[in-house]
Structures are given as structure tokens and as C-alpha cells.
């Protein structure tokens, strides 16, 4: 699969970011991946290599929902799932994306539902 220059630059930013942050059992990493139409979020404990909670815009399955609204729903869902497994504080990993638009909407929704970062 050929990557575009933009995607290669995002991956380079993400690798650089990941040298500074890592999720632990006490404070796991909230990783965000954004594709053209969907957005995904995972709460990851990097030390054990386990995904503790996951949510995506595919769960809604409503094609009429705007992408920003789907991101808000994913933020709400990931916060609820994280709290269900006893996680209240995370490290936010924006995945090399700008903290803007859908990524910001997901983060704000997760914060407003009780997730601290």
C-alpha cells in the first residue's frame, strides 16, 4: 500500500510523539485514529500490550450522522467504557493529527463524560 506524503508526515509525527508518551495500568493511553469517514479510539496499557476499551464510529451505523457528531458519540462511548473498567485518567494520543475538528470533538466529549487528561 502506497502512502501519500501527508500520511507519511503524520506517521512521522506520531512516532515522534510516541517516544514521549506511553500508557500504564494507572494511566493508559487514549489513542485516536481518524480515517476519511470513520474515527476510532482505544484505551491502551502499553506495558502489558492490552487494549482495555475501544469504540468507533462504526458502532452507530447511521450514515446520515455528520462526521463531527459521530466523533462526539465515540468520545462519549469511550469515556463510558473506560469508566466501566475503572479508568478515570488517561494520556491523550492524538495520533499525529492536529488537535482540531473531529479529534478535538472526540476529546471534548470524552472529557465532558468524566475522563480526565
PDB file of N, CA and C in Angstrom:
ATOM      1  N   UNK A   1       0.840  -1.164   0.000  1.00  0.00           N
ATOM      2  CA  UNK A   1       0.000   0.000   0.000  1.00  0.00           C
ATOM      3  C   UNK A   1       0.893   1.237   0.000  1.00  0.00           C
ATOM      4  N   UNK A   2       0.674   2.092  -0.934  1.00  0.00           N
ATOM      5  CA  UNK A   2       1.468   3.308  -1.042  1.00  0.00           C
ATOM      6  C   UNK A   2       0.884   4.396  -0.147  1.00  0.00           C
ATOM      7  N   UNK A   3       1.748   5.051   0.582  1.00  0.00           N
ATOM      8  CA  UNK A   3       1.316   6.133   1.451  1.00  0.00           C
ATOM      9  C   UNK A   3       1.562   7.465   0.761  1.00  0.00           C
ATOM     10  N   UNK A   4       0.697   8.396   1.030  1.00  0.00           N
ATOM     11  CA  UNK A   4       0.889   9.731   0.494  1.00  0.00           C
ATOM     12  C   UNK A   4       1.904  10.470   1.359  1.00  0.00           C
ATOM     13  N   UNK A   5       2.419  11.567   0.861  1.00  0.00           N
ATOM     14  CA  UNK A   5       3.361  12.356   1.647  1.00  0.00           C
ATOM     15  C   UNK A   5       2.710  12.858   2.927  1.00  0.00           C
ATOM     16  N   UNK A   6       1.432  13.190   2.855  1.00  0.00           N
ATOM     17  CA  UNK A   6       0.717  13.683   4.029  1.00  0.00           C
ATOM     18  C   UNK A   6       0.616  12.600   5.090  1.00  0.00           C
ATOM     19  N   UNK A   7       0.313  11.364   4.690  1.00  0.00           N
ATOM     20  CA  UNK A   7       0.196  10.281   5.653  1.00  0.00           C
ATOM     21  C   UNK A   7       1.555   9.909   6.230  1.00  0.00           C
ATOM     22  N   UNK A   8       2.588   9.944   5.401  1.00  0.00           N
ATOM     23  CA  UNK A   8       3.936   9.676   5.908  1.00  0.00           C
ATOM     24  C   UNK A   8       4.344  10.716   6.936  1.00  0.00           C
ATOM     25  N   UNK A   9       3.997  11.974   6.696  1.00  0.00           N
ATOM     26  CA  UNK A   9       4.312  13.041   7.645  1.00  0.00           C
ATOM     27  C   UNK A   9       3.547  12.836   8.948  1.00  0.00           C
ATOM     28  N   UNK A  10       2.283  12.400   8.864  1.00  0.00           N
ATOM     29  CA  UNK A  10       1.500  12.132  10.070  1.00  0.00           C
ATOM     30  C   UNK A  10       2.115  10.981  10.863  1.00  0.00           C
ATOM     31  N   UNK A  11       2.522   9.928  10.171  1.00  0.00           N
ATOM     32  CA  UNK A  11       3.137   8.791  10.852  1.00  0.00           C
ATOM     33  C   UNK A  11       4.456   9.186  11.518  1.00  0.00           C
ATOM     34  N   UNK A  12       5.203  10.059  10.863  1.00  0.00           N
ATOM     35  CA  UNK A  12       6.458  10.549  11.436  1.00  0.00           C
ATOM     36  C   UNK A  12       6.184  11.355  12.699  1.00  0.00           C
ATOM     37  N   UNK A  13       5.154  12.220  12.667  1.00  0.00           N
ATOM     38  CA  UNK A  13       4.772  12.981  13.856  1.00  0.00           C
ATOM     39  C   UNK A  13       4.329  12.051  14.978  1.00  0.00           C
ATOM     40  N   UNK A  14       3.583  11.004  14.612  1.00  0.00           N
ATOM     41  CA  UNK A  14       3.089  10.064  15.614  1.00  0.00           C
ATOM     42  C   UNK A  14       4.238   9.301  16.267  1.00  0.00           C
ATOM     43  N   UNK A  15       5.202   8.846  15.469  1.00  0.00           N
ATOM     44  CA  UNK A  15       6.368   8.156  16.038  1.00  0.00           C
ATOM     45  C   UNK A  15       7.123   9.076  16.993  1.00  0.00           C
ATOM     46  N   UNK A  16       7.275  10.331  16.627  1.00  0.00           N
ATOM     47  CA  UNK A  16       7.969  11.296  17.470  1.00  0.00           C
ATOM     48  C   UNK A  16       7.190  11.523  18.782  1.00  0.00           C
ATOM     49  N   UNK A  17       5.887  11.605  18.677  1.00  0.00           N
ATOM     50  CA  UNK A  17       5.033  11.786  19.841  1.00  0.00           C
ATOM     51  C   UNK A  17       5.104  10.573  20.765  1.00  0.00           C
ATOM     52  N   UNK A  18       5.159   9.385  20.179  1.00  0.00           N
ATOM     53  CA  UNK A  18       5.138   8.156  20.969  1.00  0.00           C
ATOM     54  C   UNK A  18       6.429   7.913  21.743  1.00  0.00           C
ATOM     55  N   UNK A  19       7.515   8.619  21.381  1.00  0.00           N
ATOM     56  CA  UNK A  19       8.728   8.484  22.187  1.00  0.00           C
ATOM     57  C   UNK A  19       8.547   9.150  23.542  1.00  0.00           C
ATOM     58  N   UNK A  20       7.618  10.097  23.638  1.00  0.00           N
ATOM     59  CA  UNK A  20       7.402  10.839  24.878  1.00  0.00           C
ATOM     60  C   UNK A  20       6.258  10.303  25.720  1.00  0.00           C
ATOM     61  N   UNK A  21       5.293   9.620  25.118  1.00  0.00           N
ATOM     62  CA  UNK A  21       4.142   9.163  25.905  1.00  0.00           C
ATOM     63  C   UNK A  21       3.997   7.657  25.814  1.00  0.00           C
ATOM     64  N   UNK A  22       3.561   7.065  26.908  1.00  0.00           N
ATOM     65  CA  UNK A  22       3.268   5.632  26.957  1.00  0.00           C
ATOM     66  C   UNK A  22       2.212   5.415  28.024  1.00  0.00           C
ATOM     67  N   UNK A  23       1.288   4.519  27.756  1.00  0.00           N
ATOM     68  CA  UNK A  23       0.228   4.234  28.705  1.00  0.00           C
ATOM     69  C   UNK A  23       0.661   3.211  29.730  1.00  0.00           C
ATOM     70  N   UNK A  24       0.211   3.397  30.958  1.00  0.00           N
ATOM     71  CA  UNK A  24       0.472   2.455  32.039  1.00  0.00           C
ATOM     72  C   UNK A  24      -0.867   1.924  32.541  1.00  0.00           C
ATOM     73  N   UNK A  25      -0.806   1.012  33.488  1.00  0.00           N
ATOM     74  CA  UNK A  25      -2.051   0.484  34.047  1.00  0.00           C
ATOM     75  C   UNK A  25      -2.794   1.577  34.820  1.00  0.00           C
ATOM     76  N   UNK A  26      -2.048   2.468  35.481  1.00  0.00           N
ATOM     77  CA  UNK A  26      -2.671   3.552  36.243  1.00  0.00           C
ATOM     78  C   UNK A  26      -3.231   4.632  35.329  1.00  0.00           C
ATOM     79  N   UNK A  27      -2.487   4.933  34.266  1.00  0.00           N
ATOM     80  CA  UNK A  27      -2.889   5.999  33.340  1.00  0.00           C
ATOM     81  C   UNK A  27      -2.654   5.524  31.910  1.00  0.00           C
ATOM     82  N   UNK A  28      -3.616   4.783  31.342  1.00  0.00           N
ATOM     83  CA  UNK A  28      -3.439   4.264  29.988  1.00  0.00           C
ATOM     84  C   UNK A  28      -3.529   5.363  28.920  1.00  0.00           C
ATOM     85  N   UNK A  29      -3.187   4.986  27.708  1.00  0.00           N
ATOM     86  CA  UNK A  29      -3.150   5.923  26.583  1.00  0.00           C
ATOM     87  C   UNK A  29      -4.461   5.848  25.815  1.00  0.00           C
ATOM     88  N   UNK A  30      -5.069   7.004  25.551  1.00  0.00           N
ATOM     89  CA  UNK A  30      -6.265   7.088  24.707  1.00  0.00           C
ATOM     90  C   UNK A  30      -5.795   7.422  23.302  1.00  0.00           C
ATOM     91  N   UNK A  31      -5.734   6.409  22.441  1.00  0.00           N
ATOM     92  CA  UNK A  31      -5.215   6.572  21.080  1.00  0.00           C
ATOM     93  C   UNK A  31      -6.366   6.809  20.116  1.00  0.00           C
ATOM     94  N   UNK A  32      -6.180   7.764  19.213  1.00  0.00           N
ATOM     95  CA  UNK A  32      -7.203   8.128  18.238  1.00  0.00           C
ATOM     96  C   UNK A  32      -6.667   7.846  16.838  1.00  0.00           C
ATOM     97  N   UNK A  33      -7.498   7.201  16.013  1.00  0.00           N
ATOM     98  CA  UNK A  33      -7.179   7.025  14.598  1.00  0.00           C
ATOM     99  C   UNK A  33      -8.351   7.570  13.799  1.00  0.00           C
ATOM    100  N   UNK A  34      -8.038   8.359  12.802  1.00  0.00           N
ATOM    101  CA  UNK A  34      -9.067   9.011  12.005  1.00  0.00           C
ATOM    102  C   UNK A  34      -8.875   8.610  10.551  1.00  0.00           C
ATOM    103  N   UNK A  35      -9.887   7.981   9.967  1.00  0.00           N
ATOM    104  CA  UNK A  35      -9.849   7.706   8.539  1.00  0.00           C
ATOM    105  C   UNK A  35     -10.713   8.745   7.839  1.00  0.00           C
ATOM    106  N   UNK A  36     -10.919   8.594   6.562  1.00  0.00           N
ATOM    107  CA  UNK A  36     -11.673   9.596   5.830  1.00  0.00           C
ATOM    108  C   UNK A  36     -13.108   9.718   6.346  1.00  0.00           C
ATOM    109  N   UNK A  37     -13.751   8.591   6.617  1.00  0.00           N
ATOM    110  CA  UNK A  37     -15.153   8.612   7.032  1.00  0.00           C
ATOM    111  C   UNK A  37     -15.397   8.170   8.466  1.00  0.00           C
ATOM    112  N   UNK A  38     -14.460   7.490   9.087  1.00  0.00           N
ATOM    113  CA  UNK A  38     -14.670   6.928  10.423  1.00  0.00           C
ATOM    114  C   UNK A  38     -13.641   7.491  11.392  1.00  0.00           C
ATOM    115  N   UNK A  39     -13.898   7.282  12.676  1.00  0.00           N
ATOM    116  CA  UNK A  39     -12.941   7.638  13.721  1.00  0.00           C
ATOM    117  C   UNK A  39     -12.971   6.531  14.769  1.00  0.00           C
ATOM    118  N   UNK A  40     -11.803   6.183  15.278  1.00  0.00           N
ATOM    119  CA  UNK A  40     -11.650   5.068  16.208  1.00  0.00           C
ATOM    120  C   UNK A  40     -10.890   5.555  17.434  1.00  0.00           C
ATOM    121  N   UNK A  41     -11.197   4.999  18.600  1.00  0.00           N
ATOM    122  CA  UNK A  41     -10.488   5.337  19.827  1.00  0.00           C
ATOM    123  C   UNK A  41     -10.263   4.064  20.630  1.00  0.00           C
ATOM    124  N   UNK A  42      -9.070   3.962  21.225  1.00  0.00           N
ATOM    125  CA  UNK A  42      -8.738   2.817  22.068  1.00  0.00           C
ATOM    126  C   UNK A  42      -8.063   3.322  23.330  1.00  0.00           C
ATOM    127  N   UNK A  43      -8.334   2.650  24.443  1.00  0.00           N
ATOM    128  CA  UNK A  43      -7.623   2.898  25.688  1.00  0.00           C
ATOM    129  C   UNK A  43      -6.656   1.734  25.848  1.00  0.00           C
ATOM    130  N   UNK A  44      -5.350   2.045  25.844  1.00  0.00           N
ATOM    131  CA  UNK A  44      -4.315   1.014  25.745  1.00  0.00           C
ATOM    132  C   UNK A  44      -3.354   1.095  26.926  1.00  0.00           C
ATOM    133  N   UNK A  45      -3.057  -0.064  27.523  1.00  0.00           N
ATOM    134  CA  UNK A  45      -1.984  -0.191  28.505  1.00  0.00           C
ATOM    135  C   UNK A  45      -0.768  -0.698  27.740  1.00  0.00           C
ATOM    136  N   UNK A  46       0.198   0.180  27.488  1.00  0.00           N
ATOM    137  CA  UNK A  46       1.358  -0.178  26.675  1.00  0.00           C
ATOM    138  C   UNK A  46       2.304  -1.143  27.373  1.00  0.00           C
ATOM    139  N   UNK A  47       2.348  -1.110  28.681  1.00  0.00           N
ATOM    140  CA  UNK A  47       3.258  -2.001  29.401  1.00  0.00           C
ATOM    141  C   UNK A  47       2.862  -3.459  29.259  1.00  0.00           C
ATOM    142  N   UNK A  48       1.563  -3.738  29.311  1.00  0.00           N
ATOM    143  CA  UNK A  48       1.112  -5.124  29.144  1.00  0.00           C
ATOM    144  C   UNK A  48       0.701  -5.420  27.701  1.00  0.00           C
ATOM    145  N   UNK A  49       0.588  -4.366  26.878  1.00  0.00           N
ATOM    146  CA  UNK A  49       0.215  -4.558  25.477  1.00  0.00           C
ATOM    147  C   UNK A  49      -1.242  -4.916  25.282  1.00  0.00           C
ATOM    148  N   UNK A  50      -2.111  -4.440  26.172  1.00  0.00           N
ATOM    149  CA  UNK A  50      -3.531  -4.787  26.111  1.00  0.00           C
ATOM    150  C   UNK A  50      -4.389  -3.574  25.804  1.00  0.00           C
ATOM    151  N   UNK A  51      -5.428  -3.795  25.014  1.00  0.00           N
ATOM    152  CA  UNK A  51      -6.445  -2.783  24.786  1.00  0.00           C
ATOM    153  C   UNK A  51      -7.520  -2.975  25.843  1.00  0.00           C
ATOM    154  N   UNK A  52      -7.749  -1.943  26.642  1.00  0.00           N
ATOM    155  CA  UNK A  52      -8.680  -2.046  27.761  1.00  0.00           C
ATOM    156  C   UNK A  52     -10.103  -1.666  27.366  1.00  0.00           C
ATOM    157  N   UNK A  53     -10.236  -0.752  26.402  1.00  0.00           N
ATOM    158  CA  UNK A  53     -11.554  -0.333  25.922  1.00  0.00           C
ATOM    159  C   UNK A  53     -11.392   0.200  24.510  1.00  0.00           C
ATOM    160  N   UNK A  54     -12.421   0.050  23.702  1.00  0.00           N
ATOM    161  CA  UNK A  54     -12.372   0.531  22.322  1.00  0.00           C
ATOM    162  C   UNK A  54     -13.752   1.001  21.893  1.00  0.00           C
ATOM    163  N   UNK A  55     -13.761   1.995  21.011  1.00  0.00           N
ATOM    164  CA  UNK A  55     -15.020   2.499  20.455  1.00  0.00           C
ATOM    165  C   UNK A  55     -14.731   3.039  19.063  1.00  0.00           C
ATOM    166  N   UNK A  56     -15.734   3.009  18.202  1.00  0.00           N
ATOM    167  CA  UNK A  56     -15.555   3.559  16.859  1.00  0.00           C
ATOM    168  C   UNK A  56     -16.878   4.111  16.348  1.00  0.00           C
ATOM    169  N   UNK A  57     -16.784   4.885  15.296  1.00  0.00           N
ATOM    170  CA  UNK A  57     -17.985   5.449  14.698  1.00  0.00           C
ATOM    171  C   UNK A  57     -18.763   4.395  13.919  1.00  0.00           C
ATOM    172  N   UNK A  58     -18.185   3.231  13.724  1.00  0.00           N
ATOM    173  CA  UNK A  58     -18.897   2.141  13.058  1.00  0.00           C
ATOM    174  C   UNK A  58     -20.027   1.593  13.933  1.00  0.00           C
ATOM    175  N   UNK A  59     -19.919   1.794  15.242  1.00  0.00           N
ATOM    176  CA  UNK A  59     -20.938   1.285  16.164  1.00  0.00           C
ATOM    177  C   UNK A  59     -22.286   1.971  15.947  1.00  0.00           C
ATOM    178  N   UNK A  60     -22.261   3.242  15.533  1.00  0.00           N
ATOM    179  CA  UNK A  60     -23.512   3.978  15.312  1.00  0.00           C
ATOM    180  C   UNK A  60     -24.254   3.445  14.090  1.00  0.00           C
ATOM    181  N   UNK A  61     -23.518   3.171  13.020  1.00  0.00           N
ATOM    182  CA  UNK A  61     -24.065   2.608  11.777  1.00  0.00           C
ATOM    183  C   UNK A  61     -25.162   3.477  11.159  1.00  0.00           C
ATOM    184  N   UNK A  62     -25.105   4.756  11.380  1.00  0.00           N
ATOM    185  CA  UNK A  62     -26.078   5.660  10.778  1.00  0.00           C
ATOM    186  C   UNK A  62     -25.335   6.555   9.805  1.00  0.00           C
ATOM    187  N   UNK A  63     -25.566   6.374   8.525  1.00  0.00           N
ATOM    188  CA  UNK A  63     -24.811   7.104   7.515  1.00  0.00           C
ATOM    189  C   UNK A  63     -25.210   8.567   7.416  1.00  0.00           C
ATOM    190  N   UNK A  64     -26.328   8.936   8.020  1.00  0.00           N
ATOM    191  CA  UNK A  64     -26.782  10.324   7.930  1.00  0.00           C
ATOM    192  C   UNK A  64     -26.166  11.219   9.010  1.00  0.00           C
ATOM    193  N   UNK A  65     -25.456  10.617   9.965  1.00  0.00           N
ATOM    194  CA  UNK A  65     -24.813  11.384  11.031  1.00  0.00           C
ATOM    195  C   UNK A  65     -23.573  12.068  10.473  1.00  0.00           C
ATOM    196  N   UNK A  66     -23.386  13.331  10.809  1.00  0.00           N
ATOM    197  CA  UNK A  66     -22.198  14.051  10.366  1.00  0.00           C
ATOM    198  C   UNK A  66     -20.976  13.498  11.079  1.00  0.00           C
ATOM    199  N   UNK A  67     -19.810  13.643  10.445  1.00  0.00           N
ATOM    200  CA  UNK A  67     -18.588  13.060  10.989  1.00  0.00           C
ATOM    201  C   UNK A  67     -18.222  13.657  12.343  1.00  0.00           C
ATOM    202  N   UNK A  68     -18.431  14.947  12.543  1.00  0.00           N
ATOM    203  CA  UNK A  68     -18.123  15.575  13.832  1.00  0.00           C
ATOM    204  C   UNK A  68     -19.050  15.049  14.925  1.00  0.00           C
ATOM    205  N   UNK A  69     -20.314  14.830  14.588  1.00  0.00           N
ATOM    206  CA  UNK A  69     -21.257  14.278  15.564  1.00  0.00           C
ATOM    207  C   UNK A  69     -20.911  12.831  15.898  1.00  0.00           C
ATOM    208  N   UNK A  70     -20.435  12.079  14.909  1.00  0.00           N
ATOM    209  CA  UNK A  70     -20.000  10.707  15.153  1.00  0.00           C
ATOM    210  C   UNK A  70     -18.786  10.698  16.080  1.00  0.00           C
ATOM    211  N   UNK A  71     -17.889  11.660  15.912  1.00  0.00           N
ATOM    212  CA  UNK A  71     -16.709  11.758  16.779  1.00  0.00           C
ATOM    213  C   UNK A  71     -17.130  12.049  18.219  1.00  0.00           C
ATOM    214  N   UNK A  72     -18.126  12.897  18.399  1.00  0.00           N
ATOM    215  CA  UNK A  72     -18.640  13.181  19.745  1.00  0.00           C
ATOM    216  C   UNK A  72     -19.220  11.921  20.368  1.00  0.00           C
ATOM    217  N   UNK A  73     -19.940  11.141  19.568  1.00  0.00           N
ATOM    218  CA  UNK A  73     -20.526   9.894  20.071  1.00  0.00           C
ATOM    219  C   UNK A  73     -19.435   8.903  20.464  1.00  0.00           C
ATOM    220  N   UNK A  74     -18.353   8.848  19.702  1.00  0.00           N
ATOM    221  CA  UNK A  74     -17.239   7.952  20.025  1.00  0.00           C
ATOM    222  C   UNK A  74     -16.572   8.410  21.321  1.00  0.00           C
ATOM    223  N   UNK A  75     -16.403   9.716  21.495  1.00  0.00           N
ATOM    224  CA  UNK A  75     -15.824  10.235  22.735  1.00  0.00           C
ATOM    225  C   UNK A  75     -16.658   9.883  23.952  1.00  0.00           C
ATOM    226  N   UNK A  76     -17.961  10.009  23.820  1.00  0.00           N
ATOM    227  CA  UNK A  76     -18.868   9.641  24.909  1.00  0.00           C
ATOM    228  C   UNK A  76     -18.784   8.152  25.198  1.00  0.00           C
ATOM    229  N   UNK A  77     -18.785   7.353  24.143  1.00  0.00           N
ATOM    230  CA  UNK A  77     -18.748   5.898  24.291  1.00  0.00           C
ATOM    231  C   UNK A  77     -17.443   5.418  24.927  1.00  0.00           C
ATOM    232  N   UNK A  78     -16.316   5.976  24.495  1.00  0.00           N
ATOM    233  CA  UNK A  78     -15.030   5.527  25.043  1.00  0.00           C
ATOM    234  C   UNK A  78     -14.902   5.927  26.509  1.00  0.00           C
ATOM    235  N   UNK A  79     -15.451   7.081  26.869  1.00  0.00           N
ATOM    236  CA  UNK A  79     -15.412   7.503  28.273  1.00  0.00           C
ATOM    237  C   UNK A  79     -16.241   6.563  29.141  1.00  0.00           C
ATOM    238  N   UNK A  80     -17.414   6.185  28.666  1.00  0.00           N
ATOM    239  CA  UNK A  80     -18.265   5.268  29.429  1.00  0.00           C
ATOM    240  C   UNK A  80     -17.619   3.896  29.559  1.00  0.00           C
ATOM    241  N   UNK A  81     -17.029   3.391  28.462  1.00  0.00           N
ATOM    242  CA  UNK A  81     -16.387   2.076  28.511  1.00  0.00           C
ATOM    243  C   UNK A  81     -15.157   2.089  29.407  1.00  0.00           C
ATOM    244  N   UNK A  82     -14.399   3.192  29.380  1.00  0.00           N
ATOM    245  CA  UNK A  82     -13.217   3.289  30.238  1.00  0.00           C
ATOM    246  C   UNK A  82     -13.614   3.337  31.710  1.00  0.00           C
ATOM    247  N   UNK A  83     -14.650   4.101  32.025  1.00  0.00           N
ATOM    248  CA  UNK A  83     -15.110   4.176  33.405  1.00  0.00           C
ATOM    249  C   UNK A  83     -15.658   2.838  33.873  1.00  0.00           C
ATOM    250  N   UNK A  84     -16.226   2.055  32.954  1.00  0.00           N
ATOM    251  CA  UNK A  84     -16.762   0.740  33.315  1.00  0.00           C
ATOM    252  C   UNK A  84     -15.656  -0.228  33.740  1.00  0.00           C
ATOM    253  N   UNK A  85     -14.441  -0.056  33.200  1.00  0.00           N
ATOM    254  CA  UNK A  85     -13.325  -0.925  33.596  1.00  0.00           C
ATOM    255  C   UNK A  85     -12.439  -0.257  34.641  1.00  0.00           C
ATOM    256  N   UNK A  86     -12.921   0.868  35.208  1.00  0.00           N
ATOM    257  CA  UNK A  86     -12.226   1.501  36.322  1.00  0.00           C
ATOM    258  C   UNK A  86     -11.156   2.507  35.949  1.00  0.00           C
ATOM    259  N   UNK A  87     -11.228   3.069  34.750  1.00  0.00           N
ATOM    260  CA  UNK A  87     -10.237   4.045  34.307  1.00  0.00           C
ATOM    261  C   UNK A  87     -10.881   5.425  34.314  1.00  0.00           C
ATOM    262  N   UNK A  88     -10.244   6.361  35.005  1.00  0.00           N
ATOM    263  CA  UNK A  88     -10.752   7.727  35.041  1.00  0.00           C
ATOM    264  C   UNK A  88      -9.780   8.736  34.470  1.00  0.00           C
ATOM    265  N   UNK A  89      -8.479   8.366  34.380  1.00  0.00           N
ATOM    266  CA  UNK A  89      -7.465   9.292  33.890  1.00  0.00           C
ATOM    267  C   UNK A  89      -6.637   8.609  32.810  1.00  0.00           C
ATOM    268  N   UNK A  90      -6.435   9.307  31.686  1.00  0.00           N
ATOM    269  CA  UNK A  90      -5.692   8.755  30.555  1.00  0.00           C
ATOM    270  C   UNK A  90      -4.686   9.780  30.036  1.00  0.00           C
ATOM    271  N   UNK A  91      -3.806   9.319  29.162  1.00  0.00           N
ATOM    272  CA  UNK A  91      -2.913  10.188  28.402  1.00  0.00           C
ATOM    273  C   UNK A  91      -3.482  10.242  26.993  1.00  0.00           C
ATOM    274  N   UNK A  92      -3.694  11.436  26.461  1.00  0.00           N
ATOM    275  CA  UNK A  92      -4.306  11.570  25.133  1.00  0.00           C
ATOM    276  C   UNK A  92      -3.246  11.470  24.049  1.00  0.00           C
ATOM    277  N   UNK A  93      -3.442  10.532  23.125  1.00  0.00           N
ATOM    278  CA  UNK A  93      -2.545  10.343  21.981  1.00  0.00           C
ATOM    279  C   UNK A  93      -3.335  10.697  20.731  1.00  0.00           C
ATOM    280  N   UNK A  94      -3.043  11.863  20.167  1.00  0.00           N
ATOM    281  CA  UNK A  94      -3.803  12.348  19.020  1.00  0.00           C
ATOM    282  C   UNK A  94      -3.374  11.687  17.716  1.00  0.00           C
ATOM    283  N   UNK A  95      -2.393  10.814  17.746  1.00  0.00           N
ATOM    284  CA  UNK A  95      -2.011  10.026  16.580  1.00  0.00           C
ATOM    285  C   UNK A  95      -1.335  10.811  15.468  1.00  0.00           C
ATOM    286  N   UNK A  96      -0.747  11.953  15.794  1.00  0.00           N
ATOM    287  CA  UNK A  96      -0.100  12.761  14.765  1.00  0.00           C
ATOM    288  C   UNK A  96      -1.047  13.704  14.051  1.00  0.00           C
ATOM    289  N   UNK A  97      -2.328  13.657  14.403  1.00  0.00           N
ATOM    290  CA  UNK A  97      -3.310  14.562  13.804  1.00  0.00           C
ATOM    291  C   UNK A  97      -3.293  15.875  14.565  1.00  0.00           C
ATOM    292  N   UNK A  98      -3.743  16.949  13.918  1.00  0.00           N
ATOM    293  CA  UNK A  98      -3.879  18.220  14.613  1.00  0.00           C
ATOM    294  C   UNK A  98      -5.013  18.111  15.626  1.00  0.00           C
ATOM    295  N   UNK A  99      -4.874  18.801  16.743  1.00  0.00           N
ATOM    296  CA  UNK A  99      -5.935  18.828  17.746  1.00  0.00           C
ATOM    297  C   UNK A  99      -6.976  19.820  17.252  1.00  0.00           C
ATOM    298  N   UNK A 100      -7.849  19.324  16.368  1.00  0.00           N
ATOM    299  CA  UNK A 100      -8.724  20.196  15.607  1.00  0.00           C
ATOM    300  C   UNK A 100      -9.842  19.337  15.047  1.00  0.00           C
ATOM    301  N   UNK A 101     -11.015  19.873  14.849  1.00  0.00           N
ATOM    302  CA  UNK A 101     -12.096  19.162  14.174  1.00  0.00           C
ATOM    303  C   UNK A 101     -12.571  17.935  14.907  1.00  0.00           C
ATOM    304  N   UNK A 102     -12.532  16.796  14.221  1.00  0.00           N
ATOM    305  CA  UNK A 102     -13.068  15.557  14.787  1.00  0.00           C
ATOM    306  C   UNK A 102     -12.264  15.064  15.976  1.00  0.00           C
ATOM    307  N   UNK A 103     -10.941  15.240  15.943  1.00  0.00           N
ATOM    308  CA  UNK A 103     -10.100  14.802  17.060  1.00  0.00           C
ATOM    309  C   UNK A 103     -10.443  15.618  18.310  1.00  0.00           C
ATOM    310  N   UNK A 104     -10.609  16.908  18.141  1.00  0.00           N
ATOM    311  CA  UNK A 104     -10.974  17.787  19.262  1.00  0.00           C
ATOM    312  C   UNK A 104     -12.380  17.466  19.760  1.00  0.00           C
ATOM    313  N   UNK A 105     -13.310  17.187  18.852  1.00  0.00           N
ATOM    314  CA  UNK A 105     -14.687  16.846  19.246  1.00  0.00           C
ATOM    315  C   UNK A 105     -14.707  15.570  20.080  1.00  0.00           C
ATOM    316  N   UNK A 106     -13.923  14.572  19.688  1.00  0.00           N
ATOM    317  CA  UNK A 106     -13.835  13.324  20.436  1.00  0.00           C
ATOM    318  C   UNK A 106     -13.255  13.589  21.828  1.00  0.00           C
ATOM    319  N   UNK A 107     -12.181  14.358  21.898  1.00  0.00           N
ATOM    320  CA  UNK A 107     -11.537  14.652  23.180  1.00  0.00           C
ATOM    321  C   UNK A 107     -12.467  15.434  24.105  1.00  0.00           C
ATOM    322  N   UNK A 108     -13.148  16.436  23.577  1.00  0.00           N
ATOM    323  CA  UNK A 108     -14.057  17.236  24.396  1.00  0.00           C
ATOM    324  C   UNK A 108     -15.214  16.403  24.932  1.00  0.00           C
ATOM    325  N   UNK A 109     -15.739  15.503  24.093  1.00  0.00           N
ATOM    326  CA  UNK A 109     -16.841  14.643  24.535  1.00  0.00           C
ATOM    327  C   UNK A 109     -16.371  13.664  25.609  1.00  0.00           C
ATOM    328  N   UNK A 110     -15.159  13.143  25.465  1.00  0.00           N
ATOM    329  CA  UNK A 110     -14.626  12.225  26.475  1.00  0.00           C
ATOM    330  C   UNK A 110     -14.420  12.955  27.797  1.00  0.00           C
ATOM    331  N   UNK A 111     -13.915  14.184  27.724  1.00  0.00           N
ATOM    332  CA  UNK A 111     -13.709  14.990  28.941  1.00  0.00           C
ATOM    333  C   UNK A 111     -15.039  15.312  29.622  1.00  0.00           C
ATOM    334  N   UNK A 112     -16.030  15.689  28.835  1.00  0.00           N
ATOM    335  CA  UNK A 112     -17.316  16.063  29.423  1.00  0.00           C
ATOM    336  C   UNK A 112     -18.045  14.872  30.035  1.00  0.00           C
ATOM    337  N   UNK A 113     -17.617  13.648  29.698  1.00  0.00           N
ATOM    338  CA  UNK A 113     -18.227  12.453  30.277  1.00  0.00           C
ATOM    339  C   UNK A 113     -17.361  11.849  31.373  1.00  0.00           C
ATOM    340  N   UNK A 114     -16.426  12.642  31.917  1.00  0.00           N
ATOM    341  CA  UNK A 114     -15.727  12.225  33.115  1.00  0.00           C
ATOM    342  C   UNK A 114     -14.331  11.661  32.940  1.00  0.00           C
ATOM    343  N   UNK A 115     -13.807  11.597  31.733  1.00  0.00           N
ATOM    344  CA  UNK A 115     -12.449  11.113  31.513  1.00  0.00           C
ATOM    345  C   UNK A 115     -11.491  12.288  31.679  1.00  0.00           C
ATOM    346  N   UNK A 116     -10.445  12.135  32.484  1.00  0.00           N
ATOM    347  CA  UNK A 116      -9.502  13.228  32.723  1.00  0.00           C
ATOM    348  C   UNK A 116      -8.225  13.020  31.938  1.00  0.00           C
ATOM    349  N   UNK A 117      -7.777  14.074  31.237  1.00  0.00           N
ATOM    350  CA  UNK A 117      -6.476  14.118  30.566  1.00  0.00           C
ATOM    351  C   UNK A 117      -6.097  15.528  30.267  1.00  0.00           C
TER     352      UNK A 117
END
